[in-house]
Structures are given as structure tokens and as C-alpha cells.
Amino acid sequence: MNQQIMCTVNSCAYWGQGNICEAPKILVTSDAIGDAYPESMDANEVTQLVQQAGLTPATTCMETCCKTFTRKKQ
């Protein structure tokens, strides 16, 4: 499947020209799980987090977060 993930967070290491996310993996999870794991956990560790967290239901988009963000090095 060829997907385009749009992202406007240009301070992210995975941000690409045209607002395209270039991360090899993306994790969207609930805020509760996002808050429970360190900020340094990024796309390379998604599989581990998914196995530990399991399913994380949410009822609105405001209860979700992208756990893939890694700050771009200056």
C-alpha cells in the first residue's frame, strides 16, 4: 500500500518537502500511552511499544497523539 502521511511539523526529523512524513514507521496512540513513554521513543521503537501497550481506544482525535515525532537536529 502506498500511503502519503501529511505532516506540517517541520521541526521533526522525519518531515519532508511538501509536508510529507518520511518516517519508516508511524505510531498513533492514545494520549495516556503517549504520556507513559519517554519523549525519546520514536519510530524505530514502535513495534516494541505496540506489543507492550496493546489496543488503546480513543473517542476523539484530541485523545490521540503521534508518538513518531523526533526533534530535528539543528
PDB file of N, CA and C in Angstrom:
ATOM      1  N   MET A   1       0.843  -1.173   0.000  1.00  0.00           N
ATOM      2  CA  MET A   1       0.000   0.000   0.000  1.00  0.00           C
ATOM      3  C   MET A   1       0.895   1.245   0.000  1.00  0.00           C
ATOM      4  N   ASN A   2       0.634   2.141  -0.901  1.00  0.00           N
ATOM      5  CA  ASN A   2       1.396   3.386  -0.996  1.00  0.00           C
ATOM      6  C   ASN A   2       0.602   4.489  -0.303  1.00  0.00           C
ATOM      7  N   GLN A   3       1.086   4.930   0.853  1.00  0.00           N
ATOM      8  CA  GLN A   3       0.377   5.962   1.603  1.00  0.00           C
ATOM      9  C   GLN A   3       1.207   7.230   1.677  1.00  0.00           C
ATOM     10  N   GLN A   4       0.525   8.349   1.722  1.00  0.00           N
ATOM     11  CA  GLN A   4       1.183   9.613   1.995  1.00  0.00           C
ATOM     12  C   GLN A   4       0.674  10.097   3.339  1.00  0.00           C
ATOM     13  N   ILE A   5       1.585  10.276   4.261  1.00  0.00           N
ATOM     14  CA  ILE A   5       1.236  10.804   5.575  1.00  0.00           C
ATOM     15  C   ILE A   5       1.616  12.280   5.566  1.00  0.00           C
ATOM     16  N   MET A   6       0.636  13.125   5.698  1.00  0.00           N
ATOM     17  CA  MET A   6       0.868  14.561   5.674  1.00  0.00           C
ATOM     18  C   MET A   6       1.267  15.044   7.072  1.00  0.00           C
ATOM     19  N   CYS A   7       2.221  15.951   7.117  1.00  0.00           N
ATOM     20  CA  CYS A   7       2.711  16.486   8.392  1.00  0.00           C
ATOM     21  C   CYS A   7       3.174  17.919   8.191  1.00  0.00           C
ATOM     22  N   THR A   8       2.762  18.807   9.068  1.00  0.00           N
ATOM     23  CA  THR A   8       3.179  20.201   8.997  1.00  0.00           C
ATOM     24  C   THR A   8       4.202  20.557  10.074  1.00  0.00           C
ATOM     25  N   VAL A   9       4.684  19.572  10.828  1.00  0.00           N
ATOM     26  CA  VAL A   9       5.633  19.818  11.921  1.00  0.00           C
ATOM     27  C   VAL A   9       7.052  19.779  11.354  1.00  0.00           C
ATOM     28  N   ASN A  10       7.507  20.912  10.810  1.00  0.00           N
ATOM     29  CA  ASN A  10       8.801  20.934  10.132  1.00  0.00           C
ATOM     30  C   ASN A  10       9.996  20.878  11.077  1.00  0.00           C
ATOM     31  N   SER A  11       9.763  20.848  12.377  1.00  0.00           N
ATOM     32  CA  SER A  11      10.862  20.673  13.334  1.00  0.00           C
ATOM     33  C   SER A  11      11.102  19.193  13.626  1.00  0.00           C
ATOM     34  N   CYS A  12      10.358  18.310  12.977  1.00  0.00           N
ATOM     35  CA  CYS A  12      10.517  16.864  13.156  1.00  0.00           C
ATOM     36  C   CYS A  12      11.587  16.332  12.207  1.00  0.00           C
ATOM     37  N   ALA A  13      12.376  15.399  12.673  1.00  0.00           N
ATOM     38  CA  ALA A  13      13.439  14.792  11.856  1.00  0.00           C
ATOM     39  C   ALA A  13      12.878  14.057  10.639  1.00  0.00           C
ATOM     40  N   TYR A  14      11.621  13.641  10.688  1.00  0.00           N
ATOM     41  CA  TYR A  14      11.020  12.885   9.589  1.00  0.00           C
ATOM     42  C   TYR A  14      10.233  13.751   8.610  1.00  0.00           C
ATOM     43  N   TRP A  15      10.169  15.049   8.848  1.00  0.00           N
ATOM     44  CA  TRP A  15       9.429  15.948   7.972  1.00  0.00           C
ATOM     45  C   TRP A  15      10.149  16.065   6.639  1.00  0.00           C
ATOM     46  N   GLY A  16       9.382  15.978   5.547  1.00  0.00           N
ATOM     47  CA  GLY A  16       9.958  16.101   4.214  1.00  0.00           C
ATOM     48  C   GLY A  16       9.301  17.215   3.422  1.00  0.00           C
ATOM     49  N   GLN A  17       9.956  17.628   2.357  1.00  0.00           N
ATOM     50  CA  GLN A  17       9.421  18.673   1.485  1.00  0.00           C
ATOM     51  C   GLN A  17       7.995  18.332   1.068  1.00  0.00           C
ATOM     52  N   GLY A  18       7.167  19.354   0.957  1.00  0.00           N
ATOM     53  CA  GLY A  18       5.777  19.142   0.590  1.00  0.00           C
ATOM     54  C   GLY A  18       4.929  18.659   1.749  1.00  0.00           C
ATOM     55  N   ASN A  19       5.464  18.777   2.968  1.00  0.00           N
ATOM     56  CA  ASN A  19       4.754  18.350   4.182  1.00  0.00           C
ATOM     57  C   ASN A  19       4.439  16.859   4.175  1.00  0.00           C
ATOM     58  N   ILE A  20       5.381  16.062   3.707  1.00  0.00           N
ATOM     59  CA  ILE A  20       5.237  14.611   3.675  1.00  0.00           C
ATOM     60  C   ILE A  20       6.086  14.004   4.787  1.00  0.00           C
ATOM     61  N   CYS A  21       5.501  13.114   5.581  1.00  0.00           N
ATOM     62  CA  CYS A  21       6.244  12.415   6.625  1.00  0.00           C
ATOM     63  C   CYS A  21       7.082  11.310   5.981  1.00  0.00           C
ATOM     64  N   GLU A  22       8.355  11.262   6.334  1.00  0.00           N
ATOM     65  CA  GLU A  22       9.268  10.271   5.771  1.00  0.00           C
ATOM     66  C   GLU A  22       9.690   9.215   6.794  1.00  0.00           C
ATOM     67  N   ALA A  23       8.965   9.104   7.900  1.00  0.00           N
ATOM     68  CA  ALA A  23       9.285   8.103   8.920  1.00  0.00           C
ATOM     69  C   ALA A  23       9.053   6.702   8.370  1.00  0.00           C
ATOM     70  N   PRO A  24       9.934   5.755   8.721  1.00  0.00           N
ATOM     71  CA  PRO A  24       9.746   4.386   8.252  1.00  0.00           C
ATOM     72  C   PRO A  24       8.551   3.699   8.909  1.00  0.00           C
ATOM     73  N   LYS A  25       8.171   4.158  10.085  1.00  0.00           N
ATOM     74  CA  LYS A  25       7.001   3.646  10.807  1.00  0.00           C
ATOM     75  C   LYS A  25       6.349   4.824  11.507  1.00  0.00           C
ATOM     76  N   ILE A  26       5.042   4.742  11.661  1.00  0.00           N
ATOM     77  CA  ILE A  26       4.267   5.792  12.330  1.00  0.00           C
ATOM     78  C   ILE A  26       3.460   5.123  13.439  1.00  0.00           C
ATOM     79  N   LEU A  27       3.427   5.740  14.598  1.00  0.00           N
ATOM     80  CA  LEU A  27       2.564   5.239  15.662  1.00  0.00           C
ATOM     81  C   LEU A  27       1.641   6.356  16.113  1.00  0.00           C
ATOM     82  N   VAL A  28       0.356   6.109  16.004  1.00  0.00           N
ATOM     83  CA  VAL A  28      -0.662   6.982  16.579  1.00  0.00           C
ATOM     84  C   VAL A  28      -1.295   6.176  17.698  1.00  0.00           C
ATOM     85  N   THR A  29      -1.310   6.743  18.891  1.00  0.00           N
ATOM     86  CA  THR A  29      -1.816   6.037  20.065  1.00  0.00           C
ATOM     87  C   THR A  29      -2.619   6.993  20.931  1.00  0.00           C
ATOM     88  N   SER A  30      -3.123   6.505  22.029  1.00  0.00           N
ATOM     89  CA  SER A  30      -3.871   7.376  22.938  1.00  0.00           C
ATOM     90  C   SER A  30      -2.905   8.265  23.710  1.00  0.00           C
ATOM     91  N   ASP A  31      -3.414   9.397  24.163  1.00  0.00           N
ATOM     92  CA  ASP A  31      -2.598  10.304  24.970  1.00  0.00           C
ATOM     93  C   ASP A  31      -2.057   9.613  26.221  1.00  0.00           C
ATOM     94  N   ALA A  32      -2.856   8.738  26.823  1.00  0.00           N
ATOM     95  CA  ALA A  32      -2.430   8.046  28.047  1.00  0.00           C
ATOM     96  C   ALA A  32      -1.164   7.231  27.787  1.00  0.00           C
ATOM     97  N   ILE A  33      -1.106   6.521  26.675  1.00  0.00           N
ATOM     98  CA  ILE A  33       0.093   5.747  26.343  1.00  0.00           C
ATOM     99  C   ILE A  33       1.224   6.680  25.935  1.00  0.00           C
ATOM    100  N   GLY A  34       0.915   7.696  25.171  1.00  0.00           N
ATOM    101  CA  GLY A  34       1.934   8.660  24.770  1.00  0.00           C
ATOM    102  C   GLY A  34       2.628   9.298  25.965  1.00  0.00           C
ATOM    103  N   ASP A  35       1.857   9.607  26.989  1.00  0.00           N
ATOM    104  CA  ASP A  35       2.417  10.214  28.201  1.00  0.00           C
ATOM    105  C   ASP A  35       3.228   9.219  29.029  1.00  0.00           C
ATOM    106  N   ALA A  36       2.941   7.927  28.886  1.00  0.00           N
ATOM    107  CA  ALA A  36       3.588   6.903  29.708  1.00  0.00           C
ATOM    108  C   ALA A  36       4.980   6.517  29.202  1.00  0.00           C
ATOM    109  N   TYR A  37       5.304   6.881  27.975  1.00  0.00           N
ATOM    110  CA  TYR A  37       6.600   6.507  27.395  1.00  0.00           C
ATOM    111  C   TYR A  37       7.440   7.753  27.168  1.00  0.00           C
ATOM    112  N   PRO A  38       8.758   7.625  27.258  1.00  0.00           N
ATOM    113  CA  PRO A  38       9.615   8.807  27.143  1.00  0.00           C
ATOM    114  C   PRO A  38       9.531   9.462  25.769  1.00  0.00           C
ATOM    115  N   GLU A  39       9.792  10.741  25.751  1.00  0.00           N
ATOM    116  CA  GLU A  39       9.788  11.512  24.515  1.00  0.00           C
ATOM    117  C   GLU A  39      10.797  10.963  23.510  1.00  0.00           C
ATOM    118  N   SER A  40      11.848  10.336  23.997  1.00  0.00           N
ATOM    119  CA  SER A  40      12.902   9.835  23.120  1.00  0.00           C
ATOM    120  C   SER A  40      12.492   8.586  22.344  1.00  0.00           C
ATOM    121  N   MET A  41      11.371   7.958  22.682  1.00  0.00           N
ATOM    122  CA  MET A  41      10.918   6.781  21.939  1.00  0.00           C
ATOM    123  C   MET A  41      10.376   7.264  20.600  1.00  0.00           C
ATOM    124  N   ASP A  42      10.929   6.746  19.507  1.00  0.00           N
ATOM    125  CA  ASP A  42      10.498   7.211  18.200  1.00  0.00           C
ATOM    126  C   ASP A  42      10.125   6.054  17.290  1.00  0.00           C
ATOM    127  N   ALA A  43      10.027   6.315  16.010  1.00  0.00           N
ATOM    128  CA  ALA A  43       9.536   5.334  15.039  1.00  0.00           C
ATOM    129  C   ALA A  43      10.303   4.025  15.063  1.00  0.00           C
ATOM    130  N   ASN A  44      11.569   4.049  15.375  1.00  0.00           N
ATOM    131  CA  ASN A  44      12.364   2.825  15.390  1.00  0.00           C
ATOM    132  C   ASN A  44      11.961   1.873  16.519  1.00  0.00           C
ATOM    133  N   GLU A  45      11.256   2.378  17.516  1.00  0.00           N
ATOM    134  CA  GLU A  45      10.857   1.561  18.658  1.00  0.00           C
ATOM    135  C   GLU A  45       9.348   1.289  18.698  1.00  0.00           C
ATOM    136  N   VAL A  46       8.667   1.601  17.611  1.00  0.00           N
ATOM    137  CA  VAL A  46       7.214   1.472  17.561  1.00  0.00           C
ATOM    138  C   VAL A  46       6.758   0.043  17.831  1.00  0.00           C
ATOM    139  N   THR A  47       7.396  -0.938  17.230  1.00  0.00           N
ATOM    140  CA  THR A  47       6.973  -2.330  17.389  1.00  0.00           C
ATOM    141  C   THR A  47       6.988  -2.733  18.857  1.00  0.00           C
ATOM    142  N   GLN A  48       8.029  -2.349  19.575  1.00  0.00           N
ATOM    143  CA  GLN A  48       8.136  -2.663  20.997  1.00  0.00           C
ATOM    144  C   GLN A  48       6.993  -2.014  21.777  1.00  0.00           C
ATOM    145  N   LEU A  49       6.714  -0.755  21.515  1.00  0.00           N
ATOM    146  CA  LEU A  49       5.653  -0.054  22.237  1.00  0.00           C
ATOM    147  C   LEU A  49       4.295  -0.673  21.943  1.00  0.00           C
ATOM    148  N   VAL A  50       4.035  -1.022  20.689  1.00  0.00           N
ATOM    149  CA  VAL A  50       2.750  -1.618  20.320  1.00  0.00           C
ATOM    150  C   VAL A  50       2.539  -2.941  21.050  1.00  0.00           C
ATOM    151  N   GLN A  51       3.580  -3.747  21.142  1.00  0.00           N
ATOM    152  CA  GLN A  51       3.469  -5.024  21.842  1.00  0.00           C
ATOM    153  C   GLN A  51       3.170  -4.811  23.322  1.00  0.00           C
ATOM    154  N   GLN A  52       3.783  -3.799  23.929  1.00  0.00           N
ATOM    155  CA  GLN A  52       3.579  -3.534  25.355  1.00  0.00           C
ATOM    156  C   GLN A  52       2.224  -2.899  25.625  1.00  0.00           C
ATOM    157  N   ALA A  53       1.805  -1.961  24.777  1.00  0.00           N
ATOM    158  CA  ALA A  53       0.591  -1.182  25.032  1.00  0.00           C
ATOM    159  C   ALA A  53      -0.679  -1.892  24.600  1.00  0.00           C
ATOM    160  N   GLY A  54      -0.611  -2.680  23.558  1.00  0.00           N
ATOM    161  CA  GLY A  54      -1.827  -3.312  23.040  1.00  0.00           C
ATOM    162  C   GLY A  54      -2.747  -2.286  22.409  1.00  0.00           C
ATOM    163  N   LEU A  55      -4.045  -2.542  22.468  1.00  0.00           N
ATOM    164  CA  LEU A  55      -5.023  -1.617  21.903  1.00  0.00           C
ATOM    165  C   LEU A  55      -5.244  -0.442  22.841  1.00  0.00           C
ATOM    166  N   THR A  56      -5.394   0.747  22.269  1.00  0.00           N
ATOM    167  CA  THR A  56      -5.569   1.958  23.072  1.00  0.00           C
ATOM    168  C   THR A  56      -6.723   2.787  22.510  1.00  0.00           C
ATOM    169  N   PRO A  57      -7.971   2.420  22.813  1.00  0.00           N
ATOM    170  CA  PRO A  57      -9.120   3.122  22.244  1.00  0.00           C
ATOM    171  C   PRO A  57      -9.156   4.603  22.619  1.00  0.00           C
ATOM    172  N   ALA A  58      -9.731   5.390  21.726  1.00  0.00           N
ATOM    173  CA  ALA A  58      -9.969   6.811  21.960  1.00  0.00           C
ATOM    174  C   ALA A  58     -11.329   7.144  21.362  1.00  0.00           C
ATOM    175  N   THR A  59     -11.948   8.199  21.849  1.00  0.00           N
ATOM    176  CA  THR A  59     -13.257   8.577  21.314  1.00  0.00           C
ATOM    177  C   THR A  59     -13.210   9.848  20.469  1.00  0.00           C
ATOM    178  N   THR A  60     -12.135  10.622  20.590  1.00  0.00           N
ATOM    179  CA  THR A  60     -11.973  11.827  19.768  1.00  0.00           C
ATOM    180  C   THR A  60     -10.515  11.955  19.337  1.00  0.00           C
ATOM    181  N   CYS A  61     -10.274  12.757  18.313  1.00  0.00           N
ATOM    182  CA  CYS A  61      -8.898  12.965  17.861  1.00  0.00           C
ATOM    183  C   CYS A  61      -8.072  13.673  18.937  1.00  0.00           C
ATOM    184  N   MET A  62      -8.707  14.415  19.813  1.00  0.00           N
ATOM    185  CA  MET A  62      -7.998  15.124  20.874  1.00  0.00           C
ATOM    186  C   MET A  62      -7.423  14.169  21.920  1.00  0.00           C
ATOM    187  N   GLU A  63      -7.839  12.915  21.921  1.00  0.00           N
ATOM    188  CA  GLU A  63      -7.332  11.907  22.851  1.00  0.00           C
ATOM    189  C   GLU A  63      -6.219  11.065  22.235  1.00  0.00           C
ATOM    190  N   THR A  64      -5.716  11.482  21.075  1.00  0.00           N
ATOM    191  CA  THR A  64      -4.683  10.714  20.383  1.00  0.00           C
ATOM    192  C   THR A  64      -3.437  11.562  20.181  1.00  0.00           C
ATOM    193  N   CYS A  65      -2.330  10.865  19.945  1.00  0.00           N
ATOM    194  CA  CYS A  65      -1.090  11.575  19.668  1.00  0.00           C
ATOM    195  C   CYS A  65      -0.239  10.767  18.704  1.00  0.00           C
ATOM    196  N   CYS A  66       0.617  11.473  17.983  1.00  0.00           N
ATOM    197  CA  CYS A  66       1.600  10.832  17.120  1.00  0.00           C
ATOM    198  C   CYS A  66       2.839  10.631  17.961  1.00  0.00           C
ATOM    199  N   LYS A  67       3.234   9.398  18.162  1.00  0.00           N
ATOM    200  CA  LYS A  67       4.393   9.083  19.014  1.00  0.00           C
ATOM    201  C   LYS A  67       5.658   8.943  18.173  1.00  0.00           C
ATOM    202  N   THR A  68       5.598   9.342  16.910  1.00  0.00           N
ATOM    203  CA  THR A  68       6.720   9.176  15.989  1.00  0.00           C
ATOM    204  C   THR A  68       7.651  10.378  16.006  1.00  0.00           C
ATOM    205  N   PHE A  69       7.194  11.514  16.495  1.00  0.00           N
ATOM    206  CA  PHE A  69       7.975  12.743  16.449  1.00  0.00           C
ATOM    207  C   PHE A  69       9.350  12.593  17.093  1.00  0.00           C
ATOM    208  N   THR A  70      10.365  13.019  16.372  1.00  0.00           N
ATOM    209  CA  THR A  70      11.723  13.145  16.887  1.00  0.00           C
ATOM    210  C   THR A  70      12.234  14.501  16.429  1.00  0.00           C
ATOM    211  N   ARG A  71      12.661  15.329  17.364  1.00  0.00           N
ATOM    212  CA  ARG A  71      13.096  16.683  17.017  1.00  0.00           C
ATOM    213  C   ARG A  71      14.273  16.643  16.053  1.00  0.00           C
ATOM    214  N   LYS A  72      14.183  17.470  15.023  1.00  0.00           N
ATOM    215  CA  LYS A  72      15.243  17.584  14.026  1.00  0.00           C
ATOM    216  C   LYS A  72      16.496  18.179  14.668  1.00  0.00           C
ATOM    217  N   LYS A  73      17.642  17.605  14.373  1.00  0.00           N
ATOM    218  CA  LYS A  73      18.898  18.145  14.892  1.00  0.00           C
ATOM    219  C   LYS A  73      19.197  19.466  14.199  1.00  0.00           C
ATOM    220  N   GLN A  74      19.619  20.411  14.956  1.00  0.00           N
ATOM    221  CA  GLN A  74      19.909  21.754  14.410  1.00  0.00           C
ATOM    222  C   GLN A  74      21.233  21.810  13.718  1.00  0.00           C
TER     223      GLN A  74
END
